[in-house]
Amino acid sequence: MATAKKAPAKKAAPAKKAAPAKKAAPAKKAAAPAKKAAAAPAKKAAPAKKAAAAPAKKAAPAKKRTPNAAFMKAMTPSDALAAVIGKGPYPRTEVTKKVWEYIKKNKLQDAVNKRMINADAKLKEIFKKAQASMFEMTKMINAHLK
């Protein structure tokens, strides 16, 4: 029925430009709530389908995720890095964990900006500067791994 009302409005448009525009707008507004009402039940039905499908997806990836071999390869730290984390070959993930343990233990994380790490004497040999961001840290540490 909305299309039947629009057709006469288009015919009247050349005769009166301002009046049909005002009349057409309320007609569209009246049609819009009808569309919203029709769309609302569809939206309510969609989440129910997703909820039913979700358990099926969770059941499929039951196997444990395997770590990337490149991260798990044992790397030998340089002497400067070994002073912080200890000697011996460690995977990259373990090196990062041990550096963070050292930072937390010695309270080297900046109090105001937690992303910045204030280097002490041992870390200054690795970072080559007094302060480094946590994002730069891994790049600098990787330069000390062989």
N, C-alpha and C. Protein backbone atom coordinates (compact mmCIF):
# COMPACT_ATOMS: atom_id res chain seq x y z
N MET A 1 0.82 -1.18 0.00
CA MET A 1 0.00 0.00 0.00
C MET A 1 0.86 1.25 0.00
N ALA A 2 2.01 1.19 0.58
CA ALA A 2 2.90 2.34 0.64
C ALA A 2 3.32 2.75 -0.76
N THR A 3 3.51 1.79 -1.68
CA THR A 3 3.88 2.13 -3.05
C THR A 3 2.73 2.80 -3.77
N ALA A 4 1.48 2.46 -3.45
CA ALA A 4 0.33 3.09 -4.07
C ALA A 4 0.23 4.56 -3.65
N LYS A 5 0.58 4.87 -2.41
CA LYS A 5 0.55 6.25 -1.94
C LYS A 5 1.68 7.06 -2.55
N LYS A 6 2.82 6.46 -2.81
CA LYS A 6 3.95 7.18 -3.36
C LYS A 6 3.70 7.59 -4.80
N ALA A 7 3.03 6.76 -5.57
CA ALA A 7 2.78 7.07 -6.97
C ALA A 7 1.98 8.36 -7.14
N PRO A 8 0.85 8.62 -6.42
CA PRO A 8 0.15 9.88 -6.57
C PRO A 8 1.00 11.07 -6.11
N ALA A 9 1.82 10.88 -5.14
CA ALA A 9 2.65 11.97 -4.64
C ALA A 9 3.64 12.40 -5.71
N LYS A 10 4.16 11.46 -6.49
CA LYS A 10 5.10 11.80 -7.55
C LYS A 10 4.41 12.58 -8.65
N LYS A 11 3.12 12.25 -8.95
CA LYS A 11 2.38 12.98 -9.98
C LYS A 11 2.10 14.40 -9.53
N ALA A 12 1.87 14.62 -8.26
CA ALA A 12 1.55 15.94 -7.75
C ALA A 12 2.81 16.78 -7.56
N ALA A 13 3.97 16.18 -7.58
CA ALA A 13 5.22 16.88 -7.31
C ALA A 13 5.50 18.01 -8.30
N PRO A 14 5.28 17.86 -9.60
CA PRO A 14 5.56 18.98 -10.51
C PRO A 14 4.66 20.20 -10.25
N ALA A 15 3.43 20.00 -9.82
CA ALA A 15 2.53 21.13 -9.59
C ALA A 15 2.93 21.88 -8.32
N LYS A 16 3.18 21.20 -7.22
CA LYS A 16 3.56 21.82 -5.96
C LYS A 16 4.84 21.17 -5.46
N LYS A 17 5.91 21.94 -5.41
CA LYS A 17 7.20 21.37 -5.01
C LYS A 17 7.34 21.26 -3.50
N ALA A 18 6.92 22.26 -2.74
CA ALA A 18 7.14 22.28 -1.30
C ALA A 18 6.14 21.39 -0.56
N ALA A 19 4.88 21.44 -0.93
CA ALA A 19 3.84 20.70 -0.21
C ALA A 19 4.01 19.18 -0.32
N PRO A 20 4.26 18.61 -1.51
CA PRO A 20 4.39 17.15 -1.57
C PRO A 20 5.61 16.64 -0.79
N ALA A 21 6.65 17.44 -0.72
CA ALA A 21 7.83 16.99 0.02
C ALA A 21 7.48 16.81 1.50
N LYS A 22 6.67 17.71 2.04
CA LYS A 22 6.26 17.59 3.44
C LYS A 22 5.33 16.40 3.63
N LYS A 23 4.44 16.19 2.65
CA LYS A 23 3.50 15.07 2.76
C LYS A 23 4.24 13.74 2.58
N ALA A 24 5.23 13.71 1.72
CA ALA A 24 5.94 12.46 1.46
C ALA A 24 6.76 12.04 2.69
N ALA A 25 7.31 13.01 3.38
CA ALA A 25 8.15 12.69 4.53
C ALA A 25 7.36 11.98 5.64
N PRO A 26 6.16 12.47 6.03
CA PRO A 26 5.42 11.73 7.04
C PRO A 26 5.02 10.33 6.56
N ALA A 27 4.77 10.18 5.28
CA ALA A 27 4.41 8.86 4.77
C ALA A 27 5.59 7.90 4.94
N LYS A 28 6.80 8.40 4.69
CA LYS A 28 7.98 7.56 4.85
C LYS A 28 8.20 7.23 6.32
N LYS A 29 7.95 8.21 7.19
CA LYS A 29 8.10 7.97 8.62
C LYS A 29 7.11 6.92 9.09
N ALA A 30 5.92 6.96 8.55
CA ALA A 30 4.91 5.98 8.94
C ALA A 30 5.31 4.59 8.44
N ALA A 31 5.95 4.54 7.28
CA ALA A 31 6.37 3.25 6.75
C ALA A 31 7.59 2.72 7.51
N ALA A 32 8.43 3.62 7.98
CA ALA A 32 9.65 3.21 8.68
C ALA A 32 9.35 2.41 9.95
N PRO A 33 8.40 2.84 10.82
CA PRO A 33 8.11 2.03 12.00
C PRO A 33 7.59 0.63 11.63
N ALA A 34 6.87 0.54 10.54
CA ALA A 34 6.38 -0.76 10.12
C ALA A 34 7.55 -1.66 9.74
N LYS A 35 8.56 -1.08 9.08
CA LYS A 35 9.74 -1.86 8.71
C LYS A 35 10.51 -2.27 9.96
N LYS A 36 10.62 -1.35 10.92
CA LYS A 36 11.32 -1.66 12.17
C LYS A 36 10.61 -2.78 12.92
N ALA A 37 9.30 -2.71 12.93
CA ALA A 37 8.54 -3.75 13.62
C ALA A 37 8.73 -5.10 12.95
N ALA A 38 8.81 -5.09 11.62
CA ALA A 38 9.01 -6.33 10.90
C ALA A 38 10.44 -6.84 11.08
N ALA A 39 11.39 -5.90 11.16
CA ALA A 39 12.80 -6.28 11.31
C ALA A 39 13.10 -6.76 12.73
N ALA A 40 12.43 -6.21 13.72
CA ALA A 40 12.72 -6.56 15.11
C ALA A 40 12.53 -8.05 15.40
N PRO A 41 11.43 -8.67 14.97
CA PRO A 41 11.31 -10.10 15.24
C PRO A 41 12.41 -10.91 14.54
N ALA A 42 12.84 -10.46 13.36
CA ALA A 42 13.90 -11.18 12.67
C ALA A 42 15.19 -11.11 13.47
N LYS A 43 15.48 -9.95 14.07
CA LYS A 43 16.69 -9.80 14.88
C LYS A 43 16.64 -10.68 16.12
N LYS A 44 15.46 -10.79 16.70
CA LYS A 44 15.33 -11.63 17.89
C LYS A 44 15.52 -13.10 17.54
N ALA A 45 15.10 -13.49 16.35
CA ALA A 45 15.22 -14.88 15.96
C ALA A 45 16.68 -15.23 15.61
N ALA A 46 17.43 -14.27 15.07
CA ALA A 46 18.80 -14.53 14.65
C ALA A 46 19.71 -14.93 15.82
N PRO A 47 19.70 -14.21 16.96
CA PRO A 47 20.56 -14.63 18.06
C PRO A 47 20.24 -16.04 18.57
N ALA A 48 18.99 -16.44 18.49
CA ALA A 48 18.63 -17.78 18.93
C ALA A 48 19.32 -18.82 18.05
N LYS A 49 19.42 -18.54 16.77
CA LYS A 49 20.10 -19.45 15.86
C LYS A 49 21.59 -19.49 16.17
N LYS A 50 22.17 -18.31 16.44
CA LYS A 50 23.60 -18.25 16.75
C LYS A 50 23.90 -18.99 18.05
N ALA A 51 23.01 -18.86 19.02
CA ALA A 51 23.22 -19.53 20.31
C ALA A 51 23.17 -21.05 20.12
N ALA A 52 22.31 -21.50 19.25
CA ALA A 52 22.21 -22.93 18.99
C ALA A 52 23.43 -23.44 18.23
N ALA A 53 23.99 -22.61 17.35
CA ALA A 53 25.14 -23.02 16.55
C ALA A 53 26.44 -22.91 17.34
N ALA A 54 26.49 -22.06 18.35
CA ALA A 54 27.72 -21.84 19.11
C ALA A 54 28.25 -23.10 19.80
N PRO A 55 27.43 -23.89 20.46
CA PRO A 55 27.97 -25.10 21.09
C PRO A 55 28.60 -26.07 20.09
N ALA A 56 28.08 -26.12 18.88
CA ALA A 56 28.63 -27.01 17.87
C ALA A 56 30.04 -26.56 17.50
N LYS A 57 30.28 -25.23 17.43
CA LYS A 57 31.60 -24.72 17.09
C LYS A 57 32.59 -24.97 18.23
N LYS A 58 32.15 -24.85 19.46
CA LYS A 58 33.04 -25.05 20.61
C LYS A 58 33.49 -26.50 20.72
N ALA A 59 32.66 -27.42 20.29
CA ALA A 59 32.99 -28.83 20.40
C ALA A 59 34.07 -29.22 19.39
N ALA A 60 34.16 -28.54 18.25
CA ALA A 60 35.10 -28.91 17.20
C ALA A 60 36.56 -28.65 17.61
N PRO A 61 36.96 -27.43 18.08
CA PRO A 61 38.38 -27.22 18.40
C PRO A 61 38.74 -27.69 19.81
N ALA A 62 38.59 -28.96 20.07
CA ALA A 62 38.89 -29.50 21.39
C ALA A 62 40.37 -29.80 21.56
N LYS A 63 41.11 -29.98 20.43
CA LYS A 63 42.53 -30.30 20.56
C LYS A 63 43.32 -29.07 21.02
N LYS A 64 44.42 -29.30 21.70
CA LYS A 64 45.23 -28.22 22.26
C LYS A 64 46.04 -27.57 21.15
N ARG A 65 46.18 -26.25 21.25
CA ARG A 65 46.91 -25.48 20.26
C ARG A 65 48.41 -25.75 20.39
N THR A 66 49.07 -26.01 19.29
CA THR A 66 50.51 -26.28 19.33
C THR A 66 51.27 -24.97 19.12
N PRO A 67 52.31 -24.72 19.90
CA PRO A 67 53.08 -23.48 19.74
C PRO A 67 53.91 -23.49 18.47
N ASN A 68 54.22 -22.30 17.98
CA ASN A 68 55.03 -22.14 16.79
C ASN A 68 56.45 -22.63 17.10
N ALA A 69 57.02 -23.41 16.23
CA ALA A 69 58.34 -23.99 16.44
C ALA A 69 59.42 -22.92 16.54
N ALA A 70 59.26 -21.80 15.84
CA ALA A 70 60.26 -20.73 15.87
C ALA A 70 60.35 -20.10 17.26
N PHE A 71 59.23 -19.99 17.95
CA PHE A 71 59.25 -19.43 19.30
C PHE A 71 59.81 -20.41 20.32
N MET A 72 59.66 -21.69 20.06
CA MET A 72 60.07 -22.70 21.03
C MET A 72 61.51 -23.18 20.83
N LYS A 73 62.18 -22.71 19.77
CA LYS A 73 63.56 -23.10 19.53
C LYS A 73 64.45 -22.49 20.61
N ALA A 74 65.31 -23.30 21.20
CA ALA A 74 66.18 -22.83 22.27
C ALA A 74 67.24 -21.89 21.70
N MET A 75 67.35 -20.69 22.29
CA MET A 75 68.30 -19.68 21.85
C MET A 75 69.30 -19.42 22.97
N THR A 76 70.53 -19.14 22.60
CA THR A 76 71.56 -18.85 23.59
C THR A 76 71.66 -17.35 23.79
N PRO A 77 71.48 -16.85 25.02
CA PRO A 77 71.57 -15.40 25.25
C PRO A 77 73.01 -14.92 25.27
N SER A 78 73.21 -13.64 24.94
CA SER A 78 74.53 -13.04 25.02
C SER A 78 74.91 -12.89 26.50
N ASP A 79 76.15 -12.51 26.76
CA ASP A 79 76.60 -12.37 28.15
C ASP A 79 75.81 -11.29 28.88
N ALA A 80 75.50 -10.19 28.19
CA ALA A 80 74.74 -9.09 28.82
C ALA A 80 73.33 -9.56 29.19
N LEU A 81 72.70 -10.32 28.31
CA LEU A 81 71.35 -10.82 28.59
C LEU A 81 71.40 -11.94 29.62
N ALA A 82 72.45 -12.76 29.60
CA ALA A 82 72.59 -13.85 30.56
C ALA A 82 72.73 -13.30 31.98
N ALA A 83 73.27 -12.09 32.13
CA ALA A 83 73.37 -11.48 33.45
C ALA A 83 72.00 -11.17 34.03
N VAL A 84 71.02 -10.98 33.17
CA VAL A 84 69.65 -10.66 33.61
C VAL A 84 68.84 -11.94 33.81
N ILE A 85 68.86 -12.85 32.83
CA ILE A 85 67.97 -14.02 32.88
C ILE A 85 68.67 -15.30 33.30
N GLY A 86 69.98 -15.34 33.26
CA GLY A 86 70.70 -16.56 33.60
C GLY A 86 71.23 -17.24 32.36
N LYS A 87 72.25 -18.08 32.56
CA LYS A 87 72.86 -18.78 31.42
C LYS A 87 72.02 -19.98 31.03
N GLY A 88 72.25 -20.40 29.79
CA GLY A 88 71.56 -21.58 29.30
C GLY A 88 70.66 -21.24 28.13
N PRO A 89 70.39 -22.19 27.29
CA PRO A 89 69.49 -21.94 26.16
C PRO A 89 68.03 -21.88 26.62
N TYR A 90 67.33 -20.85 26.15
CA TYR A 90 65.91 -20.66 26.47
C TYR A 90 65.14 -20.37 25.19
N PRO A 91 63.89 -20.77 25.11
CA PRO A 91 63.05 -20.34 23.99
C PRO A 91 62.74 -18.85 24.14
N ARG A 92 62.39 -18.21 23.05
CA ARG A 92 62.11 -16.75 23.07
C ARG A 92 61.02 -16.40 24.08
N THR A 93 60.02 -17.23 24.17
CA THR A 93 58.92 -16.95 25.10
C THR A 93 59.42 -16.94 26.54
N GLU A 94 60.31 -17.87 26.85
CA GLU A 94 60.84 -17.95 28.22
C GLU A 94 61.76 -16.77 28.51
N VAL A 95 62.51 -16.33 27.51
CA VAL A 95 63.40 -15.17 27.68
C VAL A 95 62.58 -13.94 28.04
N THR A 96 61.49 -13.73 27.32
CA THR A 96 60.64 -12.57 27.58
C THR A 96 60.04 -12.66 28.98
N LYS A 97 59.60 -13.83 29.39
CA LYS A 97 59.04 -14.02 30.74
C LYS A 97 60.07 -13.69 31.81
N LYS A 98 61.30 -14.18 31.61
CA LYS A 98 62.35 -13.96 32.61
C LYS A 98 62.74 -12.49 32.68
N VAL A 99 62.76 -11.79 31.57
CA VAL A 99 63.07 -10.36 31.57
C VAL A 99 61.98 -9.60 32.32
N TRP A 100 60.72 -9.98 32.09
CA TRP A 100 59.62 -9.32 32.81
C TRP A 100 59.69 -9.61 34.31
N GLU A 101 60.07 -10.82 34.67
CA GLU A 101 60.24 -11.13 36.10
C GLU A 101 61.30 -10.23 36.71
N TYR A 102 62.40 -10.02 35.99
CA TYR A 102 63.48 -9.15 36.46
C TYR A 102 62.99 -7.70 36.61
N ILE A 103 62.22 -7.25 35.62
CA ILE A 103 61.70 -5.87 35.64
C ILE A 103 60.76 -5.68 36.83
N LYS A 104 59.85 -6.62 37.04
CA LYS A 104 58.89 -6.52 38.15
C LYS A 104 59.59 -6.63 39.51
N LYS A 105 60.56 -7.55 39.60
CA LYS A 105 61.27 -7.77 40.86
C LYS A 105 62.04 -6.52 41.29
N ASN A 106 62.67 -5.85 40.32
CA ASN A 106 63.47 -4.66 40.61
C ASN A 106 62.69 -3.36 40.45
N LYS A 107 61.37 -3.45 40.19
CA LYS A 107 60.48 -2.30 40.05
C LYS A 107 61.03 -1.29 39.04
N LEU A 108 61.31 -1.77 37.85
CA LEU A 108 61.88 -0.93 36.80
C LEU A 108 60.83 -0.36 35.85
N GLN A 109 59.58 -0.78 36.00
CA GLN A 109 58.51 -0.26 35.16
C GLN A 109 58.16 1.14 35.64
N ASP A 110 58.04 2.09 34.72
CA ASP A 110 57.77 3.48 35.07
C ASP A 110 56.43 3.58 35.79
N ALA A 111 56.37 4.35 36.87
CA ALA A 111 55.14 4.45 37.67
C ALA A 111 54.05 5.21 36.94
N VAL A 112 54.41 6.23 36.18
CA VAL A 112 53.41 7.05 35.49
C VAL A 112 52.97 6.39 34.18
N ASN A 113 53.94 6.06 33.33
CA ASN A 113 53.64 5.44 32.04
C ASN A 113 54.12 3.99 32.10
N LYS A 114 53.21 3.08 32.32
CA LYS A 114 53.55 1.66 32.54
C LYS A 114 54.17 1.00 31.29
N ARG A 115 54.05 1.64 30.14
CA ARG A 115 54.63 1.08 28.93
C ARG A 115 56.14 1.26 28.85
N MET A 116 56.65 2.15 29.67
CA MET A 116 58.08 2.45 29.64
C MET A 116 58.82 1.68 30.73
N ILE A 117 60.02 1.23 30.40
CA ILE A 117 60.85 0.49 31.34
C ILE A 117 62.12 1.31 31.58
N ASN A 118 62.38 1.61 32.83
CA ASN A 118 63.58 2.34 33.21
C ASN A 118 64.70 1.33 33.39
N ALA A 119 65.76 1.50 32.63
CA ALA A 119 66.85 0.52 32.63
C ALA A 119 67.81 0.76 33.79
N ASP A 120 68.17 -0.32 34.47
CA ASP A 120 69.24 -0.24 35.47
C ASP A 120 70.55 -0.57 34.74
N ALA A 121 71.62 -0.80 35.48
CA ALA A 121 72.93 -1.02 34.86
C ALA A 121 72.93 -2.25 33.93
N LYS A 122 72.27 -3.34 34.35
CA LYS A 122 72.26 -4.56 33.54
C LYS A 122 71.42 -4.38 32.28
N LEU A 123 70.27 -3.76 32.43
CA LEU A 123 69.40 -3.58 31.26
C LEU A 123 69.92 -2.51 30.31
N LYS A 124 70.69 -1.57 30.82
CA LYS A 124 71.24 -0.51 29.96
C LYS A 124 72.19 -1.11 28.93
N GLU A 125 72.86 -2.21 29.28
CA GLU A 125 73.74 -2.89 28.31
C GLU A 125 72.93 -3.50 27.17
N ILE A 126 71.72 -3.93 27.47
CA ILE A 126 70.85 -4.54 26.45
C ILE A 126 70.13 -3.46 25.65
N PHE A 127 69.53 -2.48 26.35
CA PHE A 127 68.71 -1.46 25.71
C PHE A 127 69.54 -0.39 25.00
N LYS A 128 70.76 -0.13 25.49
CA LYS A 128 71.63 0.93 24.97
C LYS A 128 71.08 2.33 25.22
N LYS A 129 70.09 2.44 26.12
CA LYS A 129 69.55 3.74 26.53
C LYS A 129 68.91 3.62 27.90
N ALA A 130 68.60 4.74 28.52
CA ALA A 130 68.11 4.74 29.90
C ALA A 130 66.67 4.27 30.02
N GLN A 131 65.86 4.49 28.99
CA GLN A 131 64.44 4.12 29.05
C GLN A 131 64.01 3.58 27.70
N ALA A 132 63.20 2.51 27.72
CA ALA A 132 62.70 1.91 26.48
C ALA A 132 61.25 1.51 26.69
N SER A 133 60.49 1.50 25.60
CA SER A 133 59.10 1.06 25.71
C SER A 133 59.06 -0.46 25.69
N MET A 134 57.99 -1.02 26.21
CA MET A 134 57.87 -2.48 26.25
C MET A 134 57.81 -3.08 24.85
N PHE A 135 57.41 -2.29 23.87
CA PHE A 135 57.34 -2.78 22.49
C PHE A 135 58.72 -2.83 21.86
N GLU A 136 59.58 -1.88 22.21
CA GLU A 136 60.96 -1.89 21.72
C GLU A 136 61.77 -2.98 22.42
N MET A 137 61.38 -3.29 23.63
CA MET A 137 62.15 -4.22 24.46
C MET A 137 62.40 -5.56 23.77
N THR A 138 61.37 -6.16 23.19
CA THR A 138 61.54 -7.47 22.57
C THR A 138 62.47 -7.38 21.36
N LYS A 139 62.41 -6.28 20.63
CA LYS A 139 63.30 -6.10 19.49
C LYS A 139 64.76 -6.04 19.97
N MET A 140 64.98 -5.31 21.06
CA MET A 140 66.34 -5.19 21.59
C MET A 140 66.84 -6.51 22.18
N ILE A 141 65.95 -7.26 22.80
CA ILE A 141 66.32 -8.55 23.38
C ILE A 141 66.67 -9.55 22.29
N ASN A 142 65.92 -9.53 21.20
CA ASN A 142 66.17 -10.47 20.10
C ASN A 142 67.55 -10.26 19.49
N ALA A 143 68.09 -9.05 19.58
CA ALA A 143 69.43 -8.79 19.06
C ALA A 143 70.49 -9.50 19.93
N HIS A 144 70.12 -9.87 21.17
CA HIS A 144 71.06 -10.53 22.07
C HIS A 144 70.86 -12.05 22.13
N LEU A 145 70.07 -12.59 21.21
CA LEU A 145 69.85 -14.04 21.16
C LEU A 145 70.50 -14.62 19.90
N LYS A 146 71.13 -15.80 20.05
CA LYS A 146 71.78 -16.47 18.91
C LYS A 146 71.16 -17.84 18.70
